[in-house]
Protein backbone atom coordinates (compact mmCIF):
# COMPACT_ATOMS: atom_id res chain seq x y z
CA MET A 1 100.95 56.63 118.70
CA SER A 2 103.89 58.28 117.01
CA GLU A 3 102.33 61.72 117.25
CA LYS A 4 101.65 61.34 120.92
CA VAL A 5 105.22 60.04 121.55
CA ALA A 6 106.54 63.02 119.56
CA GLN A 7 104.63 65.44 121.83
CA SER A 8 106.16 63.96 124.97
CA VAL A 9 109.77 64.08 123.92
CA LEU A 10 110.65 66.88 126.38
CA GLN A 11 108.91 65.02 129.24
CA ARG A 12 110.51 61.67 128.58
CA SER A 13 113.95 63.33 128.19
CA SER A 14 113.52 64.98 131.53
CA GLU A 15 112.63 61.69 133.18
CA TYR A 16 115.71 60.01 131.59
CA LEU A 17 117.98 62.78 132.88
CA LYS A 18 116.59 62.53 136.40
CA SER A 19 116.98 58.77 136.46
CA ASN A 20 120.52 58.92 134.95
CA LEU A 21 119.50 56.83 131.96
CA VAL A 22 120.92 59.72 129.86
CA SER A 23 124.06 61.19 131.27
CA LYS A 24 124.56 64.08 128.93
CA GLN A 25 121.90 66.75 128.25
CA PRO A 26 120.96 66.90 124.51
CA ALA A 27 121.83 70.08 122.59
CA TRP A 28 118.23 70.73 121.70
CA TYR A 29 116.92 70.21 125.25
CA LYS A 30 116.99 73.86 126.46
CA VAL A 31 115.69 75.16 123.18
CA LEU A 32 112.69 72.93 123.26
CA ALA A 33 112.09 73.69 126.98
CA TYR A 34 112.21 77.50 126.41
CA HIS A 35 110.18 77.31 123.16
CA PRO A 36 107.69 74.44 123.44
CA PRO A 37 105.28 73.76 120.49
CA LYS A 38 102.28 75.98 120.59
CA THR A 39 99.97 73.72 118.64
CA ASP A 40 99.03 70.14 119.43
CA ILE A 41 99.20 67.96 116.38
CA VAL A 42 97.21 65.16 118.10
CA LYS A 43 93.74 65.09 116.45
CA THR A 44 90.86 65.34 118.96
CA ILE A 45 87.38 64.48 118.31
CA ASN A 46 84.85 67.36 118.27
CA THR A 47 82.30 66.45 120.93
CA GLN A 48 79.73 68.79 119.52
CA VAL A 49 79.61 66.90 116.20
CA LEU A 50 79.22 63.66 118.11
CA ARG A 51 76.29 65.14 120.17
CA ASP A 52 74.62 66.18 116.93
CA ILE A 53 74.93 62.73 115.46
CA LYS A 54 73.73 61.15 118.71
CA SER A 55 70.62 63.43 118.90
CA LYS A 56 69.72 62.57 115.31
CA GLU A 57 70.03 58.82 115.98
CA ASP A 58 67.92 59.13 119.13
CA GLN A 59 65.16 60.80 117.08
CA LEU A 60 65.26 58.15 114.46
CA LEU A 61 65.44 55.22 116.89
CA ALA A 62 62.90 56.54 119.37
CA PRO A 63 60.03 54.16 118.31
CA SER A 64 62.18 51.05 118.42
CA VAL A 65 63.56 50.47 121.89
CA SER A 66 65.26 47.25 121.11
CA LEU A 67 67.81 48.80 118.64
CA TYR A 68 70.58 51.06 119.87
CA LYS A 69 73.68 52.16 117.91
CA THR A 70 76.92 52.64 119.72
CA ARG A 71 79.24 53.39 116.77
CA VAL A 72 79.43 56.15 114.04
CA LYS A 73 78.88 55.22 110.49
CA PRO A 74 81.85 55.52 108.09
CA SER A 75 79.83 58.07 106.11
CA GLN A 76 79.35 60.14 109.28
CA PHE A 77 83.06 60.03 110.11
CA LYS A 78 84.05 63.17 108.15
CA ALA A 79 86.86 65.58 108.57
CA ASP A 80 84.62 67.86 110.68
CA ILE A 81 84.59 65.38 113.45
CA LEU A 82 88.37 65.85 113.93
CA LYS A 83 88.28 69.58 113.90
CA PRO A 84 88.13 71.47 117.17
CA GLN A 85 84.92 73.20 118.03
CA LYS A 86 84.70 76.78 116.73
CA LEU A 87 84.34 79.35 119.51
CA LYS A 88 81.60 81.92 118.93
CA PHE A 89 81.10 85.05 120.96
CA ILE A 90 78.36 87.60 120.62
CA GLU A 91 80.90 90.41 121.10
CA ASP A 92 82.70 89.39 117.90
CA GLN A 93 79.45 89.41 115.99
CA LEU A 94 78.61 92.86 117.24
CA ARG A 95 82.08 94.17 116.40
CA PHE A 96 81.91 92.70 112.90
CA LEU A 97 78.41 94.28 112.35
CA PHE A 98 79.44 97.71 113.65
CA TYR A 99 82.62 98.08 111.59
CA LYS A 100 80.93 96.71 108.56
CA GLN A 101 78.25 99.45 108.85
CA HIS A 102 80.85 102.05 109.81
CA PRO A 103 84.05 101.31 107.86
CA TRP A 104 85.47 104.76 108.36
CA GLU A 105 85.61 104.14 112.12
CA LEU A 106 88.55 101.84 111.36
CA ALA A 107 90.53 104.94 110.29
CA ASP A 108 90.09 106.42 113.77
CA PRO A 109 93.61 106.54 115.27
CA LYS A 110 94.22 104.23 118.24
CA SER A 111 96.67 104.60 121.05
CA ILE A 112 99.12 101.76 121.37
CA ILE A 113 98.61 101.47 125.14
CA GLU A 114 94.84 100.97 124.72
CA ASN A 115 94.80 97.19 124.61
CA GLU A 116 93.44 94.31 126.67
CA LYS A 117 96.62 94.15 128.81
CA THR A 118 96.40 97.68 130.22
CA ILE A 119 92.68 98.59 130.07
CA GLU A 120 90.11 96.03 130.84
CA THR A 121 86.67 96.92 129.53
CA SER A 122 85.06 94.65 132.09
CA ASN A 123 86.18 96.95 134.89
CA PHE A 124 84.18 99.88 133.55
CA ASN A 125 80.59 100.71 134.62
CA TRP A 126 78.76 100.49 131.32
CA SER A 127 75.57 101.92 132.73
CA SER A 128 76.70 104.89 130.61
CA ILE A 129 78.50 104.75 127.30
CA ILE A 130 80.82 107.66 128.38
CA GLN A 131 84.00 106.42 130.15
CA LEU A 132 86.59 108.74 131.65
CA ASN A 133 89.59 106.41 130.80
CA LYS A 134 88.47 105.20 127.47
CA LYS A 135 88.02 106.85 124.11
CA LEU A 136 84.51 106.61 122.47
CA ASP A 137 84.72 104.07 119.72
CA GLY A 138 83.11 100.86 118.39
CA GLU A 139 84.12 98.84 121.46
CA SER A 140 82.13 101.28 123.55
CA VAL A 141 79.04 100.37 121.45
CA VAL A 142 79.67 96.68 121.94
CA GLN A 143 80.10 96.79 125.65
CA ARG A 144 77.10 99.22 126.10
CA ALA A 145 74.94 96.79 124.13
CA LEU A 146 76.02 93.82 126.27
CA PHE A 147 75.29 95.74 129.38
CA LEU A 148 71.75 96.50 128.23
CA VAL A 149 71.28 92.82 127.34
CA ASN A 150 72.51 91.47 130.74
CA SER A 151 71.15 94.21 133.05
CA LYS A 152 68.12 95.69 131.35
CA ASN A 153 66.93 92.48 129.63
CA TYR A 154 67.04 94.12 126.21
CA ASN A 155 66.79 92.21 122.96
CA ILE A 156 70.30 92.02 121.37
CA LEU A 157 69.29 94.00 118.32
CA ASN A 158 67.35 96.55 120.36
CA ALA A 159 70.37 96.94 122.62
CA TYR A 160 72.71 97.37 119.71
CA GLU A 161 70.36 100.04 118.22
CA GLN A 162 70.18 101.92 121.53
CA ALA A 163 73.99 101.82 121.96
CA LYS A 164 74.43 103.12 118.40
CA PHE A 165 71.90 105.94 119.05
CA GLU A 166 73.92 106.99 122.15
CA TYR A 167 77.08 106.71 120.18
CA TYR A 168 75.79 108.95 117.34
CA LYS A 169 74.48 111.54 119.86
CA LEU A 170 77.85 111.83 121.56
CA LYS A 171 79.66 111.99 118.17
CA ILE A 172 77.49 114.76 116.97
CA LYS A 173 77.96 116.61 120.21
CA ASP A 174 81.75 116.29 120.02
CA GLU A 175 81.73 117.44 116.34
CA ILE A 176 79.71 120.57 117.18
CA GLU A 177 81.93 121.43 120.10
CA ASN A 178 85.09 120.98 118.03
CA HIS A 179 83.56 123.18 115.26
CA ILE A 180 82.64 125.94 117.69
CA LEU A 181 86.04 125.75 119.41
CA LYS A 182 87.78 126.08 116.04
CA GLU A 183 85.72 129.08 115.11
CA GLU A 184 86.40 130.82 118.34
CA SER A 185 90.13 130.17 118.12
CA GLU A 186 90.16 131.50 114.49
CA MET A 187 88.34 134.60 115.80
CA PHE A 188 91.25 135.28 118.23
CA GLY A 189 93.85 134.77 115.50
CA ALA A 190 94.59 131.06 115.55
CA VAL A 191 95.86 129.62 112.30
CA TYR A 192 95.41 125.93 111.55
CA GLY A 193 97.52 124.03 109.11
CA LEU A 194 96.45 121.25 106.73
CA SER A 195 94.98 118.09 108.24
CA SER A 196 96.54 114.66 107.48
CA ILE A 197 93.94 113.97 104.80
CA GLU A 198 94.33 117.41 103.19
CA HIS A 199 98.08 116.96 103.24
CA GLY A 200 97.75 113.64 101.54
CA PHE A 201 95.52 115.09 98.84
CA GLU A 202 98.04 117.92 98.28
CA LYS A 203 100.93 115.48 97.84
CA GLU A 204 98.80 113.35 95.52
CA SER A 205 97.89 116.41 93.32
CA GLN A 206 101.58 117.38 93.16
CA VAL A 207 102.48 113.94 91.80
CA ILE A 208 99.66 113.97 89.33
CA LYS A 209 100.70 117.43 88.06
CA LYS A 210 104.29 116.31 87.66
CA TRP A 211 103.16 113.12 85.88
CA LYS A 212 100.97 115.12 83.48
CA LYS A 213 103.85 117.54 82.65
CA ASP A 214 106.26 114.61 82.05
CA ALA A 215 103.68 112.91 79.92
CA ILE A 216 103.16 115.99 77.70
CA GLU A 217 106.92 116.37 77.18
CA ILE A 218 107.39 112.79 76.27
CA THR A 219 104.52 112.95 73.95
CA LYS A 220 105.98 115.95 72.12
CA VAL A 221 109.32 114.11 71.80
CA LEU A 222 107.64 111.01 70.35
CA SER A 223 105.58 113.06 67.94
CA ALA A 224 108.60 114.95 66.82
CA LYS A 225 110.61 111.77 66.27
CA SER A 226 107.64 110.29 64.27
CA SER A 227 107.31 113.36 62.10
CA LYS A 228 111.01 113.51 61.56
CA SER A 229 111.06 109.86 60.51
CA ASP A 230 108.10 110.47 58.21
CA SER A 231 109.76 113.56 56.59
CA SER A 232 113.04 111.68 56.11
CA ALA A 233 111.19 108.87 54.45
CA LEU A 234 109.48 111.33 52.12
CA ILE A 235 112.85 112.96 51.24
CA GLU A 236 114.30 109.58 50.44
CA ASP A 237 111.39 108.67 48.23
CA GLN A 238 111.72 111.97 46.39
CA VAL A 239 115.47 111.52 45.89
CA LYS A 240 114.88 108.03 44.48
CA ALA A 241 112.15 109.26 42.16
CA GLU A 242 114.52 112.06 40.92
CA ALA A 243 117.31 109.56 40.45
CA GLU A 244 115.07 107.31 38.41
CA GLU A 245 113.99 110.24 36.23
CA ASP A 246 117.69 111.23 35.74
CA SER A 247 118.51 107.72 34.75
CA TYR A 248 115.66 107.69 32.21
CA THR A 249 116.82 110.95 30.68
CA ASN A 250 120.41 109.73 30.40
CA GLU A 251 119.21 106.63 28.55
CA ASP A 252 117.27 108.72 26.06
CA GLU A 253 120.19 110.94 25.42
CA VAL A 254 122.46 107.92 24.88
CA TYR A 255 119.92 106.46 22.49
CA SER A 256 119.61 109.67 20.47
CA GLN A 257 123.44 110.00 20.27
CA LEU A 258 123.70 106.42 18.98
CA LYS A 259 121.05 107.16 16.43
CA ASP A 260 122.75 110.27 15.19
CA GLU A 261 126.05 108.39 14.72
CA ALA A 262 124.23 105.62 12.88
CA ASP A 263 122.73 108.17 10.44
CA LYS A 264 126.16 109.68 9.82
CA LEU A 265 127.58 106.33 8.87
């Protein structure tokens, strides 16, 4: 009951203020009134799960009329029974299928004003996939398929394939018209700049060229440092060897001098 009481704090506080049980309005009262909790923390039982359990029990207990269960087993009382029922819409499945088959359609630029608050797709006449106030996109395929299912009694897959066929046909037509329009404009002297994709590739190639140039210079510097350290190490070894040879010759000379002085004596 603590969870239910916590959800009704605002309501009980309002009643206390009206009945003068609380004379001063709490500091959090307006904040909670303007921003109420969006989620209900009270756990509710999923009725669909209970119906499934009840139907299974009816099938098992159909021969025996005298026995009838009125409670759920502890083993059947799982976490799923407290979860809300998941809402499933055929539109979401069609959208998921379309954009999974056509991932590049997600890169098609969208207008910010084209949303559910300004343009209602239900107000359009989807007897044709072409709409004057809406751009041709994946949502057109979904709504056209639903129209074929509801009005023409199409199978959902056949309706989806028919809507895709109409979508491809219009896309090809638009592409051909844009290509011809571009050729005609170039014939009359129009000059087109780089597209957004080409501009991105150009920037990427510039960065790669700069990285390659810097990498070559750094590699030369590192190789020069390594060769210099190797040459200095060789020079030091040579100097040490010569010093050792000089020390040997000096010892021989000293020994010969001592021998000569010993012979004189």
